Protein backbone atom coordinates (compact mmCIF):
# COMPACT_ATOMS: atom_id res chain seq x y z
CA MET A 1 92.21 97.05 54.05
CA THR A 2 94.55 94.49 52.59
CA ASN A 3 98.27 94.49 53.23
CA SER A 4 98.98 95.16 49.55
CA LYS A 5 96.66 98.18 49.63
CA LEU A 6 98.48 99.51 52.72
CA LEU A 7 101.85 98.96 51.04
CA GLU A 8 100.62 100.80 47.92
CA GLN A 9 99.51 103.74 50.08
CA PHE A 10 102.85 103.73 51.91
CA ARG A 11 104.76 103.83 48.63
CA SER A 12 102.47 106.49 47.22
CA PHE A 13 102.98 108.62 50.34
CA TYR A 14 106.73 108.33 49.95
CA PHE A 15 106.78 109.30 46.28
CA ARG A 16 104.40 112.20 46.90
CA ASN A 17 106.22 113.67 49.93
CA TYR A 18 109.84 112.39 49.87
CA PRO A 19 110.55 112.27 53.62
CA ASP A 20 114.20 112.35 54.66
CA ASP A 21 114.33 108.93 56.30
CA MET A 22 112.25 105.85 57.06
CA GLU A 23 111.45 106.94 60.64
CA THR A 24 110.01 110.20 59.33
CA GLN A 25 108.14 108.29 56.63
CA ILE A 26 106.48 106.01 59.18
CA SER A 27 105.62 108.83 61.61
CA TYR A 28 104.03 111.07 59.00
CA PHE A 29 102.33 108.17 57.20
CA ALA A 30 100.74 107.10 60.50
CA VAL A 31 99.00 110.48 60.69
CA PHE A 32 98.48 111.53 57.07
CA GLY A 33 98.85 108.32 55.04
CA GLY A 34 96.08 107.28 52.70
CA LEU A 35 94.66 110.79 52.40
CA GLY A 36 96.39 111.70 49.16
CA TRP A 37 97.54 115.07 50.47
CA ASP A 38 100.92 116.68 49.83
CA ILE A 39 102.64 116.93 53.21
CA ASP A 40 105.68 119.06 54.00
CA THR A 41 107.67 116.54 56.01
CA THR A 42 110.14 119.26 57.07
CA LYS A 43 107.46 120.75 59.35
CA PRO A 44 106.54 119.26 62.75
CA ILE A 45 103.52 116.95 62.75
CA SER A 46 101.78 119.16 65.34
CA THR A 47 102.03 122.17 63.02
CA LEU A 48 100.65 120.17 60.10
CA ILE A 49 97.75 118.82 62.17
CA LYS A 50 96.85 122.38 63.11
CA THR A 51 97.16 123.91 59.64
CA ILE A 52 95.84 121.02 57.55
CA ILE A 53 93.22 119.43 59.78
CA LEU A 54 92.13 121.71 62.61
CA ASP A 55 92.13 124.94 60.59
CA ASN A 56 90.02 123.18 57.94
CA TYR A 57 87.80 121.27 60.34
CA ASP A 58 84.46 122.51 58.96
CA ALA A 59 85.28 121.53 55.37
CA LEU A 60 86.68 118.16 56.44
CA HIS A 61 83.65 117.53 58.65
CA GLU A 62 81.32 118.13 55.69
CA LYS A 63 83.33 115.75 53.50
CA MET A 64 83.22 113.05 56.18
CA GLN A 65 79.46 113.40 56.43
CA GLY A 66 79.23 113.17 52.64
CA ILE A 67 80.95 109.76 52.63
CA GLY A 68 78.85 108.39 55.47
CA PHE A 69 81.27 108.92 58.34
CA HIS A 70 79.12 109.42 61.43
CA THR A 71 80.74 112.26 63.32
CA ARG A 72 78.11 112.51 66.04
CA TYR A 73 80.25 110.08 68.05
CA PHE A 74 83.45 112.01 67.39
CA PHE A 75 84.53 114.36 70.15
CA PRO A 76 87.83 116.08 69.36
CA ILE A 77 90.03 116.13 72.43
CA PRO A 78 93.27 118.12 72.27
CA LEU A 79 96.16 115.75 72.89
CA PHE A 80 98.82 118.43 73.23
CA ASP A 81 99.39 122.15 73.11
CA PHE A 82 99.92 123.28 69.52
CA GLY A 83 101.91 126.26 70.76
CA THR A 84 104.83 123.95 71.45
CA THR A 85 106.59 121.40 69.30
CA LEU A 86 106.69 117.75 70.12
């Protein structure tokens, strides 16, 4: 990925989601940037990971396989308890 491509994705993420400040922009872009999804930046990242990614794991897994992403080496390991906020 070129730097200009990354900058384009960063700008696109901002104009799609309008985070409140640059720190929020960077944090949410680090997790969801480049995916082209609308993200509610008023919700905690842990909540969004659960509702957008984990709750849709089967559909996302199929899409990853369809684009050649080899998930046989991917072992999801919970990094934190989604019952609490970060």
